[in-house]
C-alpha cells in the first residue's frame, strides 16, 4: 500500500538495490528492438544510394548530398530531443521519434524526384535524432551502478551485429527487382517496423528517476514496488541514500546550467572521446568497401568485409561493457582506443587481403566495440534534470564533427594519400581525442548515477552507501 510519506531519497535507495527483474528485461528488449529498427533504417542507405546513382545518373556532389542529408537531420534532431526528454519524459520522445522516422522512410520510398528524396530523408533523420540518445539515458537511469556499462555493452553489441540485416535486405532487393524499384522496396522494408510503435507505446515504462524529478512520486513508487515484488524484496521505507535532495533529483535546472562549470568541462571531455570513436565508425561504415576494394578484395568480398568487421565490433561491445564495470571507464577506454589505433596503423602498412582480414578484425573488435564505455560515460556526467539534453547534445556534437566534417574529407584524403593516409588519420584522431578523458576525466564506474551526475561531485570514488545496500540483498 502506498502512503503519503513518499520521498525520492527512499525510492532511489530502493531502486538502486534491485537486481534485473522481468520488467527491466522487458524494457531492455523493447529499447533494443527500437535500436535495431533505427539501425536498419541507417544501414539501408548504402544499397539505396548504390541503386539511385545509376537510376538518376547522379554526380559525386549530388550523391554526397544524399549520403549526408540524413546524418545532418540526425544532428539537428538530437538537441531538441534531449530537452524534450527532460521536459516531457523519456518514453514519449522515444515513441514519437520512432513514429516519425519510420513514417518518413515509407514516404521516401515514394519520392518522385531527387529534390523530394533529399527533403524526406532529412525529415527522416530528424526522427532518428529524436530517438538516438533516449535508450542510453533510460538504461543509465534504470540500472544499478554495477550493471550500467555491462547492459549497454550487450545492447550495443547486438545493435552492431544487427547491421548485417540492412545489407541482406539491400542485397535481396537488388537481386530480385530492377534498379528503378529495388531502392523503393528496400526503403519500404525499412519502414515496415512502424507497426512496432503501438507496442513500445503500450509496454515501455517511463524512467522512474524522471518521474521522481517531476514530482510524480506515486507513479515512481508503484513502479519500484512492482520491481521489488518481482525480486521478492520487502518495500523498505526506512532505506535512504543519505544524500541531499539535490542528488535525489528534485532540483530544477535551466539549459544555461549546461554551459556553467563543472558541466561544460565534463561535456567537452566526454564529447572529445566519443568523437574519436565515431570518426572510426563513420569512416569504416561509409568508405570501408572502397578501402577494402583497393586492398585487393573483389567488390562482393569488400562488402562482406564490412559485415565481418561489424560482427567483430559487436563482440567487442559485449566485452567492453563488462570491462567498463569491472576495471573502470578510463582503463577500458584507454585499452580499446589504443589497441584500435595500433591495429589501424597495421592496416595502413599491410595491404594483402589476409593481413587486412586479420588486423581488420582486431581494429573492429576494439575500435567499433568502444562505444558502450563512451556512451554511458556521457550519460554519467549529468544530473537527472540535464541528462537528456547533455546526452543528446553529445551525440549531435560528436556526429557533426565525425559524420559530417571528418567524413566529408575522407575521399580527399583517400585520393591524396591512399588507404595508408586514411588509416593513419583515423588512428591519430582516435588516439588524440581520447586523451582528455584519460588525463582529466573522472572515473565514474560503480558509482550511483545520482551521485556521479551531481554538480558537486568532482572527485567521487565509490558510493559506499549504495554498495552497502547492494551487499545486504
Foldseek 3Di string as FASTA:
>chain_A
DDDPPDALQLLLLLLQQFDCFPLNVVQLVLLLVLLLLLLLLLLLLVLLLVLCCVVVVDDPVLSVLLNCLLLVLLLVLLQVLLLCCLVPFLLVLQLQLSLFLLVLLLVLLVDPDSVSNSVSSSSSSSSCNNNPQSVLLLLLLRYHQLCSLLSLLLSLLVSLLSSVVNVVLSVVLPVPDPSVNSSSSSSNVSSVCSVCSVVSNPRNDTRLLSCNLVPVRVVSLVVSVVSCVRVVHDSDSVDGLPDDVVLSNPDADDPVVCVDPPNVVLLLLLLLLLLLLLLVVLCCSPCQLVQLVVLPDDSVVSVVLSSLLSNLLSVLSNVLSNCCQVVFLQVSSVVLLLQLLVLLLQCLPDRHNVSCSVSSSSNSSRSSNNPSSSLNSQLLQARSSNSSSRSSNSVSVSCCCRVPVSSVCLVVQCVVPNSNSNSNVSSVSNVVSNVSCNPPNETDHQARSSQSNDSVNRHDDHSVSSVVSNVVD
